[in-house]
Amino acid sequence: MKKLTLLALLVVLVSGCAGANKTAYRDSCANQLDAAWRELDLAKAEGFAGTVSYSKALSLLTGAKTQQQFEAFEGCAAKAQKARFYIRESRAGR
């Protein structure tokens, strides 16, 4: 009985840690996505919508939004950050 109680406690602790990691990236994902969409709109308004870097950024943002919907926040934040890099490259004409 004591082992069963200890095992149950261990499971609860481990599952609690897994949830904490997910929420740590939630805000980062949302903030990165918001900033990237604003930057992408600005790049489009400046006439950079036809560049390869712009297309890469748009594709990454689509993937990031999908990951956000499935609560894969760490991947979402990484994709949004990479998209922002490509948006900067697009605006630089590369």
PDB file of N, CA and C in Angstrom:
ATOM      1  N   MET A   1       0.824  -1.190   0.000  1.00  0.00           N
ATOM      2  CA  MET A   1       0.000   0.000   0.000  1.00  0.00           C
ATOM      3  C   MET A   1       0.870   1.257   0.000  1.00  0.00           C
ATOM      4  N   LYS A   2       1.953   1.197   0.775  1.00  0.00           N
ATOM      5  CA  LYS A   2       2.841   2.345   0.861  1.00  0.00           C
ATOM      6  C   LYS A   2       3.521   2.610  -0.487  1.00  0.00           C
ATOM      7  N   LYS A   3       3.890   1.537  -1.190  1.00  0.00           N
ATOM      8  CA  LYS A   3       4.524   1.683  -2.499  1.00  0.00           C
ATOM      9  C   LYS A   3       3.543   2.268  -3.515  1.00  0.00           C
ATOM     10  N   LEU A   4       2.300   1.851  -3.432  1.00  0.00           N
ATOM     11  CA  LEU A   4       1.274   2.348  -4.347  1.00  0.00           C
ATOM     12  C   LEU A   4       1.036   3.842  -4.132  1.00  0.00           C
ATOM     13  N   THR A   5       1.008   4.267  -2.886  1.00  0.00           N
ATOM     14  CA  THR A   5       0.825   5.679  -2.565  1.00  0.00           C
ATOM     15  C   THR A   5       2.011   6.498  -3.062  1.00  0.00           C
ATOM     16  N   LEU A   6       3.210   5.972  -2.865  1.00  0.00           N
ATOM     17  CA  LEU A   6       4.415   6.649  -3.321  1.00  0.00           C
ATOM     18  C   LEU A   6       4.431   6.757  -4.844  1.00  0.00           C
ATOM     19  N   LEU A   7       4.027   5.704  -5.519  1.00  0.00           N
ATOM     20  CA  LEU A   7       3.968   5.708  -6.975  1.00  0.00           C
ATOM     21  C   LEU A   7       2.952   6.733  -7.477  1.00  0.00           C
ATOM     22  N   ALA A   8       1.800   6.793  -6.838  1.00  0.00           N
ATOM     23  CA  ALA A   8       0.771   7.762  -7.227  1.00  0.00           C
ATOM     24  C   ALA A   8       1.278   9.193  -7.039  1.00  0.00           C
ATOM     25  N   LEU A   9       1.973   9.440  -5.945  1.00  0.00           N
ATOM     26  CA  LEU A   9       2.532  10.761  -5.686  1.00  0.00           C
ATOM     27  C   LEU A   9       3.576  11.126  -6.741  1.00  0.00           C
ATOM     28  N   LEU A  10       4.399  10.174  -7.108  1.00  0.00           N
ATOM     29  CA  LEU A  10       5.415  10.392  -8.129  1.00  0.00           C
ATOM     30  C   LEU A  10       4.779  10.737  -9.476  1.00  0.00           C
ATOM     31  N   VAL A  11       3.721  10.033  -9.829  1.00  0.00           N
ATOM     32  CA  VAL A  11       3.017  10.300 -11.088  1.00  0.00           C
ATOM     33  C   VAL A  11       2.440  11.713 -11.096  1.00  0.00           C
ATOM     34  N   VAL A  12       1.861  12.122  -9.993  1.00  0.00           N
ATOM     35  CA  VAL A  12       1.288  13.472  -9.888  1.00  0.00           C
ATOM     36  C   VAL A  12       2.384  14.529 -10.030  1.00  0.00           C
ATOM     37  N   LEU A  13       3.518  14.314  -9.384  1.00  0.00           N
ATOM     38  CA  LEU A  13       4.614  15.276  -9.468  1.00  0.00           C
ATOM     39  C   LEU A  13       5.165  15.379 -10.883  1.00  0.00           C
ATOM     40  N   VAL A  14       5.352  14.256 -11.532  1.00  0.00           N
ATOM     41  CA  VAL A  14       5.885  14.255 -12.893  1.00  0.00           C
ATOM     42  C   VAL A  14       4.907  14.918 -13.857  1.00  0.00           C
ATOM     43  N   SER A  15       3.637  14.630 -13.731  1.00  0.00           N
ATOM     44  CA  SER A  15       2.656  15.249 -14.626  1.00  0.00           C
ATOM     45  C   SER A  15       2.558  16.749 -14.370  1.00  0.00           C
ATOM     46  N   GLY A  16       2.751  17.169 -13.149  1.00  0.00           N
ATOM     47  CA  GLY A  16       2.753  18.597 -12.832  1.00  0.00           C
ATOM     48  C   GLY A  16       3.926  19.311 -13.471  1.00  0.00           C
ATOM     49  N   CYS A  17       5.066  18.667 -13.496  1.00  0.00           N
ATOM     50  CA  CYS A  17       6.241  19.250 -14.138  1.00  0.00           C
ATOM     51  C   CYS A  17       6.049  19.362 -15.641  1.00  0.00           C
ATOM     52  N   ALA A  18       5.412  18.399 -16.238  1.00  0.00           N
ATOM     53  CA  ALA A  18       5.168  18.438 -17.683  1.00  0.00           C
ATOM     54  C   ALA A  18       4.276  19.610 -18.047  1.00  0.00           C
ATOM     55  N   GLY A  19       3.299  19.902 -17.247  1.00  0.00           N
ATOM     56  CA  GLY A  19       2.404  21.025 -17.508  1.00  0.00           C
ATOM     57  C   GLY A  19       3.094  22.363 -17.335  1.00  0.00           C
ATOM     58  N   ALA A  20       4.028  22.443 -16.405  1.00  0.00           N
ATOM     59  CA  ALA A  20       4.736  23.697 -16.163  1.00  0.00           C
ATOM     60  C   ALA A  20       5.580  24.083 -17.367  1.00  0.00           C
ATOM     61  N   ASN A  21       6.194  23.116 -18.019  1.00  0.00           N
ATOM     62  CA  ASN A  21       7.010  23.392 -19.189  1.00  0.00           C
ATOM     63  C   ASN A  21       6.157  23.952 -20.317  1.00  0.00           C
ATOM     64  N   LYS A  22       4.966  23.444 -20.460  1.00  0.00           N
ATOM     65  CA  LYS A  22       4.068  23.881 -21.523  1.00  0.00           C
ATOM     66  C   LYS A  22       3.678  25.345 -21.340  1.00  0.00           C
ATOM     67  N   THR A  23       3.357  25.710 -20.121  1.00  0.00           N
ATOM     68  CA  THR A  23       2.915  27.082 -19.878  1.00  0.00           C
ATOM     69  C   THR A  23       4.066  28.078 -19.925  1.00  0.00           C
ATOM     70  N   ALA A  24       5.289  27.609 -19.728  1.00  0.00           N
ATOM     71  CA  ALA A  24       6.438  28.508 -19.774  1.00  0.00           C
ATOM     72  C   ALA A  24       6.604  29.121 -21.160  1.00  0.00           C
ATOM     73  N   TYR A  25       6.260  28.394 -22.195  1.00  0.00           N
ATOM     74  CA  TYR A  25       6.419  28.879 -23.563  1.00  0.00           C
ATOM     75  C   TYR A  25       5.142  29.504 -24.124  1.00  0.00           C
ATOM     76  N   ARG A  26       4.036  29.416 -23.408  1.00  0.00           N
ATOM     77  CA  ARG A  26       2.757  29.926 -23.929  1.00  0.00           C
ATOM     78  C   ARG A  26       2.835  31.422 -24.237  1.00  0.00           C
ATOM     79  N   ASP A  27       3.317  32.208 -23.291  1.00  0.00           N
ATOM     80  CA  ASP A  27       3.402  33.654 -23.498  1.00  0.00           C
ATOM     81  C   ASP A  27       4.415  34.005 -24.580  1.00  0.00           C
ATOM     82  N   SER A  28       5.543  33.313 -24.573  1.00  0.00           N
ATOM     83  CA  SER A  28       6.561  33.560 -25.589  1.00  0.00           C
ATOM     84  C   SER A  28       6.012  33.283 -26.981  1.00  0.00           C
ATOM     85  N   CYS A  29       5.301  32.189 -27.118  1.00  0.00           N
ATOM     86  CA  CYS A  29       4.689  31.832 -28.401  1.00  0.00           C
ATOM     87  C   CYS A  29       3.739  32.931 -28.859  1.00  0.00           C
ATOM     88  N   ALA A  30       2.845  33.343 -27.982  1.00  0.00           N
ATOM     89  CA  ALA A  30       1.855  34.366 -28.340  1.00  0.00           C
ATOM     90  C   ALA A  30       2.523  35.691 -28.693  1.00  0.00           C
ATOM     91  N   ASN A  31       3.504  36.101 -27.898  1.00  0.00           N
ATOM     92  CA  ASN A  31       4.185  37.373 -28.154  1.00  0.00           C
ATOM     93  C   ASN A  31       4.975  37.345 -29.453  1.00  0.00           C
ATOM     94  N   GLN A  32       5.694  36.238 -29.685  1.00  0.00           N
ATOM     95  CA  GLN A  32       6.475  36.113 -30.919  1.00  0.00           C
ATOM     96  C   GLN A  32       5.565  36.103 -32.145  1.00  0.00           C
ATOM     97  N   LEU A  33       4.450  35.381 -32.046  1.00  0.00           N
ATOM     98  CA  LEU A  33       3.505  35.338 -33.171  1.00  0.00           C
ATOM     99  C   LEU A  33       2.917  36.714 -33.461  1.00  0.00           C
ATOM    100  N   ASP A  34       2.490  37.414 -32.433  1.00  0.00           N
ATOM    101  CA  ASP A  34       1.922  38.753 -32.631  1.00  0.00           C
ATOM    102  C   ASP A  34       2.925  39.691 -33.297  1.00  0.00           C
ATOM    103  N   ALA A  35       4.143  39.688 -32.782  1.00  0.00           N
ATOM    104  CA  ALA A  35       5.177  40.559 -33.343  1.00  0.00           C
ATOM    105  C   ALA A  35       5.493  40.174 -34.784  1.00  0.00           C
ATOM    106  N   ALA A  36       5.585  38.883 -35.041  1.00  0.00           N
ATOM    107  CA  ALA A  36       5.920  38.424 -36.393  1.00  0.00           C
ATOM    108  C   ALA A  36       4.833  38.787 -37.397  1.00  0.00           C
ATOM    109  N   TRP A  37       3.560  38.626 -37.022  1.00  0.00           N
ATOM    110  CA  TRP A  37       2.473  38.988 -37.946  1.00  0.00           C
ATOM    111  C   TRP A  37       2.489  40.482 -38.236  1.00  0.00           C
ATOM    112  N   ARG A  38       2.759  41.310 -37.220  1.00  0.00           N
ATOM    113  CA  ARG A  38       2.844  42.763 -37.447  1.00  0.00           C
ATOM    114  C   ARG A  38       3.996  43.090 -38.393  1.00  0.00           C
ATOM    115  N   GLU A  39       5.157  42.455 -38.164  1.00  0.00           N
ATOM    116  CA  GLU A  39       6.318  42.693 -39.017  1.00  0.00           C
ATOM    117  C   GLU A  39       6.068  42.206 -40.440  1.00  0.00           C
ATOM    118  N   LEU A  40       5.366  41.091 -40.566  1.00  0.00           N
ATOM    119  CA  LEU A  40       5.052  40.558 -41.893  1.00  0.00           C
ATOM    120  C   LEU A  40       4.120  41.510 -42.644  1.00  0.00           C
ATOM    121  N   ASP A  41       3.133  42.052 -41.957  1.00  0.00           N
ATOM    122  CA  ASP A  41       2.229  43.027 -42.581  1.00  0.00           C
ATOM    123  C   ASP A  41       2.991  44.272 -43.029  1.00  0.00           C
ATOM    124  N   LEU A  42       3.930  44.712 -42.210  1.00  0.00           N
ATOM    125  CA  LEU A  42       4.739  45.873 -42.558  1.00  0.00           C
ATOM    126  C   LEU A  42       5.604  45.582 -43.785  1.00  0.00           C
ATOM    127  N   ALA A  43       6.206  44.398 -43.821  1.00  0.00           N
ATOM    128  CA  ALA A  43       7.024  44.017 -44.978  1.00  0.00           C
ATOM    129  C   ALA A  43       6.175  43.964 -46.242  1.00  0.00           C
ATOM    130  N   LYS A  44       4.960  43.467 -46.120  1.00  0.00           N
ATOM    131  CA  LYS A  44       4.055  43.407 -47.268  1.00  0.00           C
ATOM    132  C   LYS A  44       3.713  44.817 -47.743  1.00  0.00           C
ATOM    133  N   ALA A  45       3.438  45.708 -46.806  1.00  0.00           N
ATOM    134  CA  ALA A  45       3.106  47.091 -47.157  1.00  0.00           C
ATOM    135  C   ALA A  45       4.283  47.802 -47.822  1.00  0.00           C
ATOM    136  N   GLU A  46       5.493  47.403 -47.465  1.00  0.00           N
ATOM    137  CA  GLU A  46       6.684  48.008 -48.053  1.00  0.00           C
ATOM    138  C   GLU A  46       7.040  47.392 -49.398  1.00  0.00           C
ATOM    139  N   GLY A  47       6.287  46.383 -49.823  1.00  0.00           N
ATOM    140  CA  GLY A  47       6.511  45.797 -51.141  1.00  0.00           C
ATOM    141  C   GLY A  47       7.453  44.612 -51.178  1.00  0.00           C
ATOM    142  N   PHE A  48       7.705  43.993 -50.038  1.00  0.00           N
ATOM    143  CA  PHE A  48       8.622  42.859 -49.998  1.00  0.00           C
ATOM    144  C   PHE A  48       7.900  41.516 -50.013  1.00  0.00           C
ATOM    145  N   ALA A  49       6.621  41.507 -50.362  1.00  0.00           N
ATOM    146  CA  ALA A  49       5.823  40.280 -50.289  1.00  0.00           C
ATOM    147  C   ALA A  49       6.248  39.225 -51.299  1.00  0.00           C
ATOM    148  N   GLY A  50       6.974  39.589 -52.332  1.00  0.00           N
ATOM    149  CA  GLY A  50       7.346  38.617 -53.352  1.00  0.00           C
ATOM    150  C   GLY A  50       8.673  37.926 -53.124  1.00  0.00           C
ATOM    151  N   THR A  51       9.374  38.258 -52.066  1.00  0.00           N
ATOM    152  CA  THR A  51      10.694  37.678 -51.863  1.00  0.00           C
ATOM    153  C   THR A  51      10.611  36.260 -51.305  1.00  0.00           C
ATOM    154  N   VAL A  52      11.679  35.517 -51.511  1.00  0.00           N
ATOM    155  CA  VAL A  52      11.749  34.143 -51.006  1.00  0.00           C
ATOM    156  C   VAL A  52      11.716  34.140 -49.477  1.00  0.00           C
ATOM    157  N   SER A  53      12.417  35.076 -48.867  1.00  0.00           N
ATOM    158  CA  SER A  53      12.440  35.151 -47.403  1.00  0.00           C
ATOM    159  C   SER A  53      11.050  35.418 -46.845  1.00  0.00           C
ATOM    160  N   TYR A  54      10.274  36.250 -47.524  1.00  0.00           N
ATOM    161  CA  TYR A  54       8.898  36.534 -47.097  1.00  0.00           C
ATOM    162  C   TYR A  54       8.078  35.251 -47.137  1.00  0.00           C
ATOM    163  N   SER A  55       8.239  34.476 -48.199  1.00  0.00           N
ATOM    164  CA  SER A  55       7.499  33.214 -48.332  1.00  0.00           C
ATOM    165  C   SER A  55       7.886  32.225 -47.240  1.00  0.00           C
ATOM    166  N   LYS A  56       9.176  32.152 -46.930  1.00  0.00           N
ATOM    167  CA  LYS A  56       9.635  31.274 -45.849  1.00  0.00           C
ATOM    168  C   LYS A  56       9.023  31.704 -44.522  1.00  0.00           C
ATOM    169  N   ALA A  57       9.007  33.009 -44.282  1.00  0.00           N
ATOM    170  CA  ALA A  57       8.448  33.526 -43.032  1.00  0.00           C
ATOM    171  C   ALA A  57       6.965  33.205 -42.924  1.00  0.00           C
ATOM    172  N   LEU A  58       6.240  33.385 -44.013  1.00  0.00           N
ATOM    173  CA  LEU A  58       4.803  33.098 -44.003  1.00  0.00           C
ATOM    174  C   LEU A  58       4.549  31.622 -43.718  1.00  0.00           C
ATOM    175  N   SER A  59       5.345  30.760 -44.320  1.00  0.00           N
ATOM    176  CA  SER A  59       5.211  29.324 -44.092  1.00  0.00           C
ATOM    177  C   SER A  59       5.507  28.966 -42.629  1.00  0.00           C
ATOM    178  N   LEU A  60       6.551  29.544 -42.078  1.00  0.00           N
ATOM    179  CA  LEU A  60       6.898  29.286 -40.677  1.00  0.00           C
ATOM    180  C   LEU A  60       5.813  29.792 -39.731  1.00  0.00           C
ATOM    181  N   LEU A  61       5.239  30.945 -40.033  1.00  0.00           N
ATOM    182  CA  LEU A  61       4.179  31.482 -39.174  1.00  0.00           C
ATOM    183  C   LEU A  61       2.931  30.619 -39.222  1.00  0.00           C
ATOM    184  N   THR A  62       2.638  30.077 -40.381  1.00  0.00           N
ATOM    185  CA  THR A  62       1.499  29.163 -40.491  1.00  0.00           C
ATOM    186  C   THR A  62       1.728  27.928 -39.631  1.00  0.00           C
ATOM    187  N   GLY A  63       2.943  27.382 -39.699  1.00  0.00           N
ATOM    188  CA  GLY A  63       3.289  26.230 -38.864  1.00  0.00           C
ATOM    189  C   GLY A  63       3.265  26.561 -37.383  1.00  0.00           C
ATOM    190  N   ALA A  64       3.744  27.750 -37.036  1.00  0.00           N
ATOM    191  CA  ALA A  64       3.750  28.171 -35.630  1.00  0.00           C
ATOM    192  C   ALA A  64       2.330  28.308 -35.096  1.00  0.00           C
ATOM    193  N   LYS A  65       1.451  28.870 -35.905  1.00  0.00           N
ATOM    194  CA  LYS A  65       0.055  29.028 -35.474  1.00  0.00           C
ATOM    195  C   LYS A  65      -0.596  27.662 -35.266  1.00  0.00           C
ATOM    196  N   THR A  66      -0.283  26.716 -36.145  1.00  0.00           N
ATOM    197  CA  THR A  66      -0.807  25.357 -35.994  1.00  0.00           C
ATOM    198  C   THR A  66      -0.304  24.738 -34.697  1.00  0.00           C
ATOM    199  N   GLN A  67       0.993  24.906 -34.420  1.00  0.00           N
ATOM    200  CA  GLN A  67       1.547  24.364 -33.182  1.00  0.00           C
ATOM    201  C   GLN A  67       0.921  25.028 -31.960  1.00  0.00           C
ATOM    202  N   GLN A  68       0.629  26.306 -32.059  1.00  0.00           N
ATOM    203  CA  GLN A  68      -0.028  26.996 -30.946  1.00  0.00           C
ATOM    204  C   GLN A  68      -1.398  26.388 -30.678  1.00  0.00           C
ATOM    205  N   GLN A  69      -2.130  26.073 -31.736  1.00  0.00           N
ATOM    206  CA  GLN A  69      -3.462  25.490 -31.580  1.00  0.00           C
ATOM    207  C   GLN A  69      -3.405  24.124 -30.900  1.00  0.00           C
ATOM    208  N   PHE A  70      -2.312  23.383 -31.143  1.00  0.00           N
ATOM    209  CA  PHE A  70      -2.155  22.059 -30.536  1.00  0.00           C
ATOM    210  C   PHE A  70      -1.331  22.105 -29.249  1.00  0.00           C
ATOM    211  N   GLU A  71      -1.123  23.315 -28.726  1.00  0.00           N
ATOM    212  CA  GLU A  71      -0.412  23.549 -27.475  1.00  0.00           C
ATOM    213  C   GLU A  71       1.028  23.042 -27.484  1.00  0.00           C
ATOM    214  N   ALA A  72       1.664  23.098 -28.639  1.00  0.00           N
ATOM    215  CA  ALA A  72       3.090  22.799 -28.753  1.00  0.00           C
ATOM    216  C   ALA A  72       3.820  24.145 -28.725  1.00  0.00           C
ATOM    217  N   PHE A  73       3.807  24.787 -27.564  1.00  0.00           N
ATOM    218  CA  PHE A  73       4.233  26.171 -27.451  1.00  0.00           C
ATOM    219  C   PHE A  73       5.728  26.374 -27.688  1.00  0.00           C
ATOM    220  N   GLU A  74       6.551  25.415 -27.305  1.00  0.00           N
ATOM    221  CA  GLU A  74       7.993  25.564 -27.501  1.00  0.00           C
ATOM    222  C   GLU A  74       8.326  25.620 -28.990  1.00  0.00           C
ATOM    223  N   GLY A  75       7.758  24.704 -29.763  1.00  0.00           N
ATOM    224  CA  GLY A  75       7.973  24.707 -31.211  1.00  0.00           C
ATOM    225  C   GLY A  75       7.391  25.943 -31.870  1.00  0.00           C
ATOM    226  N   CYS A  76       6.257  26.384 -31.371  1.00  0.00           N
ATOM    227  CA  CYS A  76       5.612  27.601 -31.876  1.00  0.00           C
ATOM    228  C   CYS A  76       6.537  28.802 -31.705  1.00  0.00           C
ATOM    229  N   ALA A  77       7.089  28.956 -30.516  1.00  0.00           N
ATOM    230  CA  ALA A  77       7.975  30.090 -30.238  1.00  0.00           C
ATOM    231  C   ALA A  77       9.216  30.039 -31.122  1.00  0.00           C
ATOM    232  N   ALA A  78       9.770  28.853 -31.313  1.00  0.00           N
ATOM    233  CA  ALA A  78      10.965  28.706 -32.150  1.00  0.00           C
ATOM    234  C   ALA A  78      10.665  29.061 -33.605  1.00  0.00           C
ATOM    235  N   LYS A  79       9.542  28.579 -34.125  1.00  0.00           N
ATOM    236  CA  LYS A  79       9.168  28.875 -35.511  1.00  0.00           C
ATOM    237  C   LYS A  79       8.885  30.362 -35.704  1.00  0.00           C
ATOM    238  N   ALA A  80       8.201  30.969 -34.755  1.00  0.00           N
ATOM    239  CA  ALA A  80       7.889  32.397 -34.862  1.00  0.00           C
ATOM    240  C   ALA A  80       9.165  33.235 -34.822  1.00  0.00           C
ATOM    241  N   GLN A  81      10.104  32.833 -33.986  1.00  0.00           N
ATOM    242  CA  GLN A  81      11.374  33.551 -33.912  1.00  0.00           C
ATOM    243  C   GLN A  81      12.145  33.415 -35.226  1.00  0.00           C
ATOM    244  N   LYS A  82      12.148  32.221 -35.795  1.00  0.00           N
ATOM    245  CA  LYS A  82      12.816  32.006 -37.074  1.00  0.00           C
ATOM    246  C   LYS A  82      12.120  32.803 -38.183  1.00  0.00           C
ATOM    247  N   ALA A  83      10.793  32.880 -38.125  1.00  0.00           N
ATOM    248  CA  ALA A  83      10.034  33.658 -39.111  1.00  0.00           C
ATOM    249  C   ALA A  83      10.422  35.130 -39.040  1.00  0.00           C
ATOM    250  N   ARG A  84      10.615  35.639 -37.837  1.00  0.00           N
ATOM    251  CA  ARG A  84      11.012  37.037 -37.684  1.00  0.00           C
ATOM    252  C   ARG A  84      12.379  37.289 -38.310  1.00  0.00           C
ATOM    253  N   PHE A  85      13.268  36.306 -38.236  1.00  0.00           N
ATOM    254  CA  PHE A  85      14.566  36.425 -38.908  1.00  0.00           C
ATOM    255  C   PHE A  85      14.363  36.564 -40.413  1.00  0.00           C
ATOM    256  N   TYR A  86      13.527  35.705 -40.990  1.00  0.00           N
ATOM    257  CA  TYR A  86      13.294  35.761 -42.431  1.00  0.00           C
ATOM    258  C   TYR A  86      12.570  37.045 -42.846  1.00  0.00           C
ATOM    259  N   ILE A  87      11.742  37.575 -41.981  1.00  0.00           N
ATOM    260  CA  ILE A  87      11.086  38.853 -42.282  1.00  0.00           C
ATOM    261  C   ILE A  87      12.134  39.963 -42.349  1.00  0.00           C
ATOM    262  N   ARG A  88      13.073  39.955 -41.412  1.00  0.00           N
ATOM    263  CA  ARG A  88      14.157  40.952 -41.448  1.00  0.00           C
ATOM    264  C   ARG A  88      14.988  40.789 -42.714  1.00  0.00           C
ATOM    265  N   GLU A  89      15.256  39.544 -43.094  1.00  0.00           N
ATOM    266  CA  GLU A  89      16.002  39.287 -44.327  1.00  0.00           C
ATOM    267  C   GLU A  89      15.228  39.800 -45.542  1.00  0.00           C
ATOM    268  N   SER A  90      13.937  39.591 -45.549  1.00  0.00           N
ATOM    269  CA  SER A  90      13.093  40.050 -46.646  1.00  0.00           C
ATOM    270  C   SER A  90      13.146  41.566 -46.774  1.00  0.00           C
ATOM    271  N   ARG A  91      13.032  42.242 -45.651  1.00  0.00           N
ATOM    272  CA  ARG A  91      13.051  43.706 -45.675  1.00  0.00           C
ATOM    273  C   ARG A  91      14.419  44.243 -46.058  1.00  0.00           C
ATOM    274  N   ALA A  92      15.465  43.437 -45.862  1.00  0.00           N
ATOM    275  CA  ALA A  92      16.813  43.838 -46.264  1.00  0.00           C
ATOM    276  C   ALA A  92      17.076  43.515 -47.733  1.00  0.00           C
ATOM    277  N   GLY A  93      16.106  42.887 -48.382  1.00  0.00           N
ATOM    278  CA  GLY A  93      16.245  42.573 -49.801  1.00  0.00           C
ATOM    279  C   GLY A  93      16.976  41.276 -50.085  1.00  0.00           C
ATOM    280  N   ARG A  94      17.061  40.402 -49.083  1.00  0.00           N
ATOM    281  CA  ARG A  94      17.762  39.121 -49.290  1.00  0.00           C
ATOM    282  C   ARG A  94      16.794  37.982 -49.352  1.00  0.00           C
TER     283      ARG A  94
END
